Each structure stands twice: as C-alpha cells, then as structure tokens.
N, C-alpha and C. Protein backbone atom coordinates (compact mmCIF):
# COMPACT_ATOMS: atom_id res chain seq x y z
N MET A 1 51.42 60.02 -19.34
CA MET A 1 51.31 60.22 -17.91
C MET A 1 50.08 59.47 -17.40
N LEU A 2 50.19 58.97 -16.19
CA LEU A 2 49.12 58.21 -15.56
C LEU A 2 48.82 58.81 -14.19
N VAL A 3 47.55 59.07 -13.92
CA VAL A 3 47.13 59.67 -12.66
C VAL A 3 46.39 58.63 -11.83
N GLY A 4 46.66 58.60 -10.54
CA GLY A 4 45.95 57.71 -9.64
C GLY A 4 45.60 58.42 -8.35
N GLN A 5 44.51 57.97 -7.74
CA GLN A 5 44.12 58.55 -6.45
C GLN A 5 43.81 57.42 -5.48
N GLY A 6 44.05 57.67 -4.21
CA GLY A 6 43.78 56.67 -3.18
C GLY A 6 43.25 57.31 -1.93
N ILE A 7 42.46 56.55 -1.21
CA ILE A 7 41.85 57.01 0.04
C ILE A 7 41.95 55.88 1.06
N ASP A 8 42.23 56.22 2.31
CA ASP A 8 42.19 55.22 3.37
C ASP A 8 41.79 55.90 4.67
N ALA A 9 41.25 55.13 5.59
CA ALA A 9 40.87 55.63 6.91
C ALA A 9 40.94 54.48 7.91
N HIS A 10 41.38 54.80 9.11
CA HIS A 10 41.40 53.82 10.20
C HIS A 10 40.99 54.50 11.49
N ARG A 11 40.37 53.74 12.36
CA ARG A 11 39.99 54.27 13.67
C ARG A 11 41.17 54.13 14.63
N PHE A 12 41.15 54.96 15.66
CA PHE A 12 42.17 54.88 16.70
C PHE A 12 41.99 53.62 17.53
N ALA A 13 43.10 53.11 18.05
CA ALA A 13 43.09 51.95 18.94
C ALA A 13 44.18 52.13 19.99
N PRO A 14 43.86 51.86 21.24
CA PRO A 14 44.88 52.00 22.29
C PRO A 14 45.95 50.93 22.17
N GLY A 15 47.12 51.22 22.71
CA GLY A 15 48.20 50.24 22.76
C GLY A 15 48.94 50.02 21.47
N ARG A 16 48.76 50.91 20.51
CA ARG A 16 49.46 50.80 19.23
C ARG A 16 50.23 52.09 18.97
N PRO A 17 51.39 52.01 18.33
CA PRO A 17 52.08 53.24 17.94
C PRO A 17 51.35 53.90 16.76
N LEU A 18 51.44 55.21 16.67
CA LEU A 18 50.87 55.94 15.54
C LEU A 18 51.97 56.18 14.52
N VAL A 19 51.80 55.61 13.34
CA VAL A 19 52.76 55.77 12.25
C VAL A 19 52.02 56.36 11.06
N LEU A 20 52.53 57.49 10.57
CA LEU A 20 51.92 58.17 9.43
C LEU A 20 53.01 58.52 8.42
N ALA A 21 52.84 58.10 7.19
CA ALA A 21 53.82 58.34 6.13
C ALA A 21 55.21 57.85 6.55
N GLY A 22 55.22 56.73 7.27
CA GLY A 22 56.48 56.12 7.68
C GLY A 22 57.15 56.79 8.87
N VAL A 23 56.49 57.76 9.50
CA VAL A 23 57.06 58.51 10.61
C VAL A 23 56.27 58.21 11.89
N ARG A 24 56.98 57.90 12.95
CA ARG A 24 56.33 57.67 14.25
C ARG A 24 55.93 59.01 14.84
N VAL A 25 54.65 59.14 15.17
CA VAL A 25 54.09 60.38 15.72
C VAL A 25 53.64 60.09 17.14
N GLU A 26 54.12 60.89 18.08
CA GLU A 26 53.73 60.69 19.48
C GLU A 26 52.24 60.97 19.64
N HIS A 27 51.54 59.97 20.20
CA HIS A 27 50.10 60.11 20.45
C HIS A 27 49.70 59.01 21.43
N ASP A 28 48.59 59.20 22.10
CA ASP A 28 48.17 58.21 23.08
C ASP A 28 47.56 56.96 22.47
N GLN A 29 47.32 56.98 21.14
CA GLN A 29 46.76 55.83 20.45
C GLN A 29 47.37 55.71 19.06
N GLY A 30 47.31 54.51 18.53
CA GLY A 30 47.69 54.28 17.15
C GLY A 30 46.44 53.99 16.35
N LEU A 31 46.60 53.41 15.18
CA LEU A 31 45.46 53.13 14.31
C LEU A 31 45.24 51.62 14.21
N ALA A 32 43.98 51.22 14.33
CA ALA A 32 43.61 49.81 14.23
C ALA A 32 43.75 49.35 12.79
N ALA A 33 44.45 48.24 12.61
CA ALA A 33 44.65 47.70 11.26
C ALA A 33 45.33 46.35 11.36
N HIS A 34 45.28 45.61 10.26
CA HIS A 34 45.99 44.33 10.17
C HIS A 34 47.50 44.59 10.11
N SER A 35 47.90 45.66 9.40
CA SER A 35 49.31 46.06 9.29
C SER A 35 49.60 47.06 10.40
N ASP A 36 50.55 47.97 10.14
CA ASP A 36 50.85 49.02 11.13
C ASP A 36 49.83 50.15 11.10
N GLY A 37 48.89 50.12 10.15
CA GLY A 37 47.81 51.10 10.09
C GLY A 37 48.19 52.45 9.50
N ASP A 38 49.27 52.52 8.76
CA ASP A 38 49.73 53.80 8.19
C ASP A 38 48.80 54.21 7.04
N VAL A 39 47.78 55.01 7.38
CA VAL A 39 46.77 55.40 6.39
C VAL A 39 47.38 56.19 5.23
N ALA A 40 48.41 56.97 5.49
CA ALA A 40 49.03 57.76 4.43
C ALA A 40 49.65 56.85 3.37
N ILE A 41 50.41 55.87 3.81
CA ILE A 41 51.04 54.95 2.86
C ILE A 41 50.01 54.06 2.19
N HIS A 42 48.96 53.67 2.91
CA HIS A 42 47.92 52.85 2.29
C HIS A 42 47.23 53.62 1.17
N ALA A 43 46.89 54.88 1.42
CA ALA A 43 46.26 55.70 0.38
C ALA A 43 47.23 55.89 -0.79
N LEU A 44 48.50 56.09 -0.48
CA LEU A 44 49.51 56.27 -1.52
C LEU A 44 49.66 55.01 -2.37
N CYS A 45 49.70 53.84 -1.73
CA CYS A 45 49.78 52.59 -2.48
C CYS A 45 48.59 52.44 -3.40
N ASP A 46 47.40 52.76 -2.91
CA ASP A 46 46.21 52.67 -3.76
C ASP A 46 46.31 53.62 -4.95
N ALA A 47 46.82 54.82 -4.73
CA ALA A 47 46.98 55.78 -5.83
C ALA A 47 47.98 55.25 -6.86
N LEU A 48 49.09 54.72 -6.40
CA LEU A 48 50.11 54.18 -7.30
C LEU A 48 49.58 52.99 -8.10
N LEU A 49 48.95 52.07 -7.40
CA LEU A 49 48.40 50.89 -8.07
C LEU A 49 47.30 51.28 -9.05
N GLY A 50 46.46 52.23 -8.65
CA GLY A 50 45.39 52.68 -9.52
C GLY A 50 45.90 53.32 -10.79
N ALA A 51 46.93 54.16 -10.65
CA ALA A 51 47.49 54.83 -11.83
C ALA A 51 48.03 53.80 -12.83
N ALA A 52 48.58 52.72 -12.31
CA ALA A 52 49.16 51.69 -13.18
C ALA A 52 48.12 50.65 -13.61
N GLY A 53 46.88 50.79 -13.15
CA GLY A 53 45.84 49.84 -13.51
C GLY A 53 46.02 48.49 -12.86
N LEU A 54 46.56 48.48 -11.65
CA LEU A 54 46.90 47.23 -10.96
C LEU A 54 46.01 46.93 -9.76
N GLY A 55 44.82 47.51 -9.71
CA GLY A 55 43.92 47.20 -8.61
C GLY A 55 44.19 48.05 -7.39
N ASP A 56 44.09 47.42 -6.22
CA ASP A 56 44.27 48.17 -4.97
C ASP A 56 45.13 47.39 -3.99
N ILE A 57 45.41 48.03 -2.87
CA ILE A 57 46.32 47.45 -1.88
C ILE A 57 45.78 46.14 -1.32
N GLY A 58 44.46 46.04 -1.14
CA GLY A 58 43.87 44.82 -0.61
C GLY A 58 44.04 43.62 -1.53
N ARG A 59 44.10 43.89 -2.81
CA ARG A 59 44.30 42.81 -3.79
C ARG A 59 45.72 42.26 -3.72
N HIS A 60 46.68 43.13 -3.46
CA HIS A 60 48.08 42.72 -3.43
C HIS A 60 48.54 42.25 -2.05
N PHE A 61 47.97 42.84 -1.00
CA PHE A 61 48.37 42.55 0.37
C PHE A 61 47.12 42.35 1.23
N PRO A 62 46.39 41.26 1.05
CA PRO A 62 45.11 41.08 1.74
C PRO A 62 45.25 41.00 3.26
N ASP A 63 44.28 41.58 3.96
CA ASP A 63 44.32 41.56 5.41
C ASP A 63 43.94 40.21 5.99
N THR A 64 43.65 39.26 5.13
CA THR A 64 43.39 37.88 5.57
C THR A 64 44.67 37.04 5.57
N ASP A 65 45.76 37.61 5.05
CA ASP A 65 47.02 36.88 4.96
C ASP A 65 47.87 37.19 6.18
N PRO A 66 48.19 36.17 6.99
CA PRO A 66 48.95 36.40 8.22
C PRO A 66 50.35 36.99 8.01
N GLN A 67 50.92 36.85 6.81
CA GLN A 67 52.26 37.39 6.59
C GLN A 67 52.28 38.92 6.66
N TYR A 68 51.09 39.55 6.53
CA TYR A 68 51.02 41.00 6.57
C TYR A 68 50.60 41.54 7.94
N ALA A 69 50.40 40.66 8.89
CA ALA A 69 50.01 41.09 10.24
C ALA A 69 51.11 41.95 10.86
N GLY A 70 50.77 43.20 11.18
CA GLY A 70 51.71 44.11 11.82
C GLY A 70 52.83 44.61 10.93
N ILE A 71 52.77 44.33 9.63
CA ILE A 71 53.87 44.71 8.73
C ILE A 71 54.03 46.22 8.63
N ASP A 72 55.26 46.64 8.51
CA ASP A 72 55.60 48.04 8.27
C ASP A 72 55.11 48.40 6.87
N SER A 73 54.25 49.38 6.77
CA SER A 73 53.66 49.75 5.48
C SER A 73 54.69 50.23 4.48
N ARG A 74 55.85 50.67 4.93
CA ARG A 74 56.90 51.06 4.00
C ARG A 74 57.36 49.86 3.17
N ILE A 75 57.31 48.67 3.75
CA ILE A 75 57.66 47.47 3.00
C ILE A 75 56.67 47.28 1.86
N LEU A 76 55.39 47.50 2.15
CA LEU A 76 54.37 47.38 1.11
C LEU A 76 54.59 48.41 0.02
N LEU A 77 54.90 49.65 0.41
CA LEU A 77 55.15 50.71 -0.56
C LEU A 77 56.35 50.37 -1.44
N ARG A 78 57.39 49.85 -0.85
CA ARG A 78 58.57 49.47 -1.65
C ARG A 78 58.24 48.35 -2.63
N ARG A 79 57.38 47.43 -2.23
CA ARG A 79 56.99 46.35 -3.14
C ARG A 79 56.15 46.90 -4.29
N VAL A 80 55.26 47.83 -3.98
CA VAL A 80 54.47 48.47 -5.04
C VAL A 80 55.41 49.18 -6.01
N MET A 81 56.37 49.91 -5.49
CA MET A 81 57.31 50.64 -6.35
C MET A 81 58.14 49.68 -7.20
N ALA A 82 58.53 48.54 -6.66
CA ALA A 82 59.29 47.55 -7.45
C ALA A 82 58.43 47.06 -8.61
N SER A 83 57.15 46.84 -8.36
CA SER A 83 56.24 46.40 -9.41
C SER A 83 56.08 47.47 -10.50
N LEU A 84 56.02 48.72 -10.08
CA LEU A 84 55.92 49.81 -11.06
C LEU A 84 57.19 49.92 -11.90
N ARG A 85 58.34 49.82 -11.24
CA ARG A 85 59.62 49.90 -11.97
C ARG A 85 59.73 48.76 -12.99
N GLU A 86 59.24 47.56 -12.62
CA GLU A 86 59.25 46.44 -13.57
C GLU A 86 58.42 46.76 -14.81
N ARG A 87 57.45 47.63 -14.67
CA ARG A 87 56.59 48.03 -15.79
C ARG A 87 57.08 49.31 -16.46
N GLY A 88 58.26 49.76 -16.06
CA GLY A 88 58.85 50.95 -16.67
C GLY A 88 58.24 52.26 -16.21
N LEU A 89 57.63 52.28 -15.02
CA LEU A 89 56.98 53.49 -14.52
C LEU A 89 57.73 54.07 -13.33
N SER A 90 57.70 55.38 -13.24
CA SER A 90 58.29 56.06 -12.08
C SER A 90 57.34 57.17 -11.63
N VAL A 91 57.56 57.63 -10.42
CA VAL A 91 56.72 58.68 -9.84
C VAL A 91 57.25 60.05 -10.25
N HIS A 92 56.39 60.83 -10.85
CA HIS A 92 56.74 62.23 -11.13
C HIS A 92 56.49 63.07 -9.89
N ASN A 93 55.29 62.94 -9.29
CA ASN A 93 55.02 63.63 -8.03
C ASN A 93 53.88 62.95 -7.29
N ALA A 94 53.79 63.24 -6.01
CA ALA A 94 52.74 62.71 -5.15
C ALA A 94 52.26 63.81 -4.22
N ASP A 95 50.95 63.84 -3.98
CA ASP A 95 50.35 64.83 -3.09
C ASP A 95 49.40 64.10 -2.15
N LEU A 96 49.62 64.28 -0.85
CA LEU A 96 48.81 63.60 0.16
C LEU A 96 48.18 64.60 1.11
N THR A 97 46.98 64.27 1.57
CA THR A 97 46.31 65.06 2.59
C THR A 97 45.92 64.13 3.72
N LEU A 98 46.34 64.48 4.94
CA LEU A 98 45.97 63.73 6.14
C LEU A 98 44.89 64.51 6.85
N VAL A 99 43.83 63.84 7.24
CA VAL A 99 42.70 64.48 7.91
C VAL A 99 42.63 63.95 9.34
N ALA A 100 42.92 64.82 10.30
CA ALA A 100 42.93 64.42 11.71
C ALA A 100 42.68 65.64 12.59
N GLN A 101 41.82 65.48 13.56
CA GLN A 101 41.61 66.55 14.54
C GLN A 101 42.80 66.61 15.49
N ARG A 102 43.32 65.44 15.79
CA ARG A 102 44.48 65.31 16.66
C ARG A 102 45.22 64.05 16.26
N PRO A 103 46.48 63.94 16.47
CA PRO A 103 47.39 64.95 17.00
C PRO A 103 47.76 65.99 15.95
N ARG A 104 48.48 67.00 16.38
CA ARG A 104 48.96 68.02 15.47
C ARG A 104 50.06 67.40 14.60
N LEU A 105 49.89 67.50 13.29
CA LEU A 105 50.79 66.80 12.37
C LEU A 105 51.81 67.71 11.70
N ALA A 106 51.57 69.00 11.67
CA ALA A 106 52.45 69.93 10.95
C ALA A 106 53.94 69.75 11.27
N PRO A 107 54.33 69.55 12.54
CA PRO A 107 55.77 69.40 12.81
C PRO A 107 56.41 68.17 12.18
N HIS A 108 55.60 67.20 11.79
CA HIS A 108 56.13 65.95 11.25
C HIS A 108 56.17 65.91 9.72
N ILE A 109 55.58 66.90 9.08
CA ILE A 109 55.45 66.87 7.62
C ILE A 109 56.79 66.84 6.87
N PRO A 110 57.79 67.63 7.26
CA PRO A 110 59.06 67.53 6.52
C PRO A 110 59.66 66.11 6.55
N ALA A 111 59.61 65.45 7.70
CA ALA A 111 60.14 64.09 7.80
C ALA A 111 59.31 63.14 6.95
N MET A 112 57.99 63.33 6.94
CA MET A 112 57.12 62.48 6.12
C MET A 112 57.49 62.61 4.64
N CYS A 113 57.70 63.81 4.18
CA CYS A 113 58.06 64.03 2.77
C CYS A 113 59.38 63.36 2.44
N GLU A 114 60.35 63.43 3.33
CA GLU A 114 61.64 62.79 3.10
C GLU A 114 61.53 61.28 3.02
N VAL A 115 60.78 60.69 3.96
CA VAL A 115 60.61 59.24 3.99
C VAL A 115 59.91 58.76 2.72
N LEU A 116 58.82 59.43 2.37
CA LEU A 116 58.07 59.00 1.18
C LEU A 116 58.89 59.18 -0.09
N ALA A 117 59.61 60.29 -0.21
CA ALA A 117 60.43 60.52 -1.41
C ALA A 117 61.48 59.42 -1.56
N ALA A 118 62.08 59.01 -0.45
CA ALA A 118 63.08 57.94 -0.50
C ALA A 118 62.47 56.66 -1.04
N ASP A 119 61.29 56.31 -0.55
CA ASP A 119 60.65 55.06 -1.00
C ASP A 119 60.08 55.17 -2.41
N LEU A 120 59.66 56.37 -2.80
CA LEU A 120 59.11 56.57 -4.14
C LEU A 120 60.20 56.74 -5.20
N GLY A 121 61.42 57.04 -4.76
CA GLY A 121 62.51 57.23 -5.70
C GLY A 121 62.41 58.52 -6.47
N CYS A 122 61.92 59.56 -5.82
CA CYS A 122 61.82 60.86 -6.48
C CYS A 122 62.34 61.94 -5.54
N PRO A 123 62.62 63.13 -6.06
CA PRO A 123 63.11 64.21 -5.19
C PRO A 123 62.08 64.60 -4.13
N THR A 124 62.56 64.98 -2.98
CA THR A 124 61.68 65.38 -1.87
C THR A 124 60.73 66.49 -2.27
N GLU A 125 61.19 67.41 -3.10
CA GLU A 125 60.33 68.54 -3.49
C GLU A 125 59.15 68.11 -4.37
N ARG A 126 59.13 66.86 -4.80
CA ARG A 126 58.00 66.36 -5.60
C ARG A 126 57.01 65.57 -4.75
N VAL A 127 57.23 65.55 -3.45
CA VAL A 127 56.30 64.89 -2.53
C VAL A 127 55.75 65.96 -1.61
N ASN A 128 54.44 66.08 -1.59
CA ASN A 128 53.77 67.09 -0.77
C ASN A 128 52.82 66.39 0.20
N VAL A 129 52.95 66.71 1.47
CA VAL A 129 52.04 66.19 2.49
C VAL A 129 51.42 67.39 3.19
N LYS A 130 50.09 67.34 3.31
CA LYS A 130 49.35 68.39 3.99
C LYS A 130 48.54 67.75 5.10
N ALA A 131 48.21 68.54 6.12
CA ALA A 131 47.34 68.07 7.19
C ALA A 131 46.22 69.08 7.39
N THR A 132 45.03 68.55 7.65
CA THR A 132 43.89 69.42 7.90
C THR A 132 42.99 68.77 8.93
N THR A 133 42.09 69.56 9.48
CA THR A 133 41.06 69.04 10.36
C THR A 133 39.72 69.15 9.63
N THR A 134 38.69 68.63 10.24
CA THR A 134 37.34 68.80 9.69
C THR A 134 36.50 69.67 10.63
N GLU A 135 37.20 70.53 11.39
CA GLU A 135 36.51 71.46 12.30
C GLU A 135 35.55 70.71 13.22
N ARG A 136 36.03 69.58 13.74
CA ARG A 136 35.30 68.74 14.70
C ARG A 136 34.06 68.04 14.13
N MET A 137 33.96 67.98 12.79
CA MET A 137 32.84 67.27 12.15
C MET A 137 33.28 65.87 11.73
N GLY A 138 32.37 64.91 11.77
CA GLY A 138 32.64 63.56 11.31
C GLY A 138 33.56 62.78 12.22
N PHE A 139 33.92 61.54 11.80
CA PHE A 139 34.72 60.68 12.67
C PHE A 139 36.11 61.25 12.94
N THR A 140 36.70 61.91 11.96
CA THR A 140 38.03 62.50 12.23
C THR A 140 37.89 63.69 13.17
N GLY A 141 36.87 64.48 13.00
CA GLY A 141 36.64 65.64 13.85
C GLY A 141 36.35 65.27 15.29
N ARG A 142 35.72 64.13 15.48
CA ARG A 142 35.43 63.66 16.84
C ARG A 142 36.65 62.96 17.45
N GLY A 143 37.73 62.86 16.70
CA GLY A 143 38.94 62.22 17.21
C GLY A 143 38.86 60.71 17.25
N GLU A 144 38.05 60.13 16.39
CA GLU A 144 37.88 58.68 16.36
C GLU A 144 38.88 57.99 15.45
N GLY A 145 39.52 58.73 14.57
CA GLY A 145 40.46 58.12 13.64
C GLY A 145 41.07 59.15 12.72
N ILE A 146 41.76 58.65 11.71
CA ILE A 146 42.47 59.50 10.74
C ILE A 146 42.15 58.98 9.34
N ALA A 147 42.01 59.91 8.40
CA ALA A 147 41.81 59.58 7.00
C ALA A 147 42.96 60.16 6.18
N ALA A 148 43.21 59.57 5.03
CA ALA A 148 44.27 60.06 4.14
C ALA A 148 43.80 59.97 2.70
N PHE A 149 44.22 60.96 1.92
CA PHE A 149 43.92 61.04 0.49
C PHE A 149 45.24 61.22 -0.23
N ALA A 150 45.40 60.55 -1.36
CA ALA A 150 46.64 60.66 -2.13
C ALA A 150 46.34 60.74 -3.62
N VAL A 151 47.15 61.53 -4.31
CA VAL A 151 47.11 61.63 -5.76
C VAL A 151 48.54 61.52 -6.25
N VAL A 152 48.74 60.73 -7.32
CA VAL A 152 50.08 60.58 -7.88
C VAL A 152 50.03 60.74 -9.39
N LEU A 153 51.18 61.12 -9.91
CA LEU A 153 51.38 61.18 -11.36
C LEU A 153 52.56 60.27 -11.68
N LEU A 154 52.30 59.25 -12.50
CA LEU A 154 53.35 58.34 -12.93
C LEU A 154 53.75 58.68 -14.37
N VAL A 155 55.02 58.46 -14.65
CA VAL A 155 55.52 58.68 -16.01
C VAL A 155 56.34 57.45 -16.42
N PRO A 156 56.34 57.17 -17.75
CA PRO A 156 57.17 56.05 -18.23
C PRO A 156 58.65 56.41 -18.16
C-alpha cells in the first residue's frame, strides 16, 4: 500500500466560476489560477502523485505551459489516474477536506464524491469529502480563498 497527501490553496477572484471537486458551486467569485482553480482536485492530484513517487502536479502540468490555461482539472486528474494505472496502481480510498468560510459546501458534497469516484475509478463510498471553516481565522476565515487537503491510499 502507498499513502500520499496533498495540499492546495487559491485566493478568490471575481469573474470566474467556482469549481470544487469537479462540481460547479454557486458563488460570487471563483478561484484565481492558471487552470480552473479546483483546489480539491489539485490537492488530490498531488496526493496521488506523491503516493506513487511521481512528484507533484506542477511538475506534470506546469502553470507556465499555455496548454493548461483554463483547463478543467478533471482532465488533469484523469491523466494522473492513467499514469497510475500504467504503473499497476489503483485507488483504494481518498479523503479530502475543504477549508472555506464561504460558500456553504455541505449541500455539494454528495455530488463531489460521485464525480471524484468516477474519475478515480473506485466506489463512491471510498471517497470522502468534508468541509470545515477556520472560525474566521486566517485567509480562509477572512473569506479570501479556499484551501484543500487530500490523503489517498493506493494499492497494486
């Protein structure tokens, strides 16, 4: 078994859609990023790549490469999963935590789990997404952005 963890954070930016774990969430701002800014998937990709000893998301999909400008992060996740499958690895389970003061994320969690499970190729019950606040402390608490943490277990 191989364990990996990933972390990502982005600040809010006006005029962008908010996409988290592949799900569009209604909000007055999205996240600033070279891609679509999906912090959940970025943290998950880092966890997957780390577990397999393959570096991080920036190494595989650099933000200096124009082909990744505005890209749907699910495409990146699917590419990471293809690379893992080529190495004979699959996801046993994944656990993610989203840290945001706003918007309220709980209503979107079931859809997030379904989307991620589909891309990870594992049963929905093996994908867990949680949301928490920081009680108005730090950049997430002040509503300046969103952070995500992910842990995965890979098996041959």
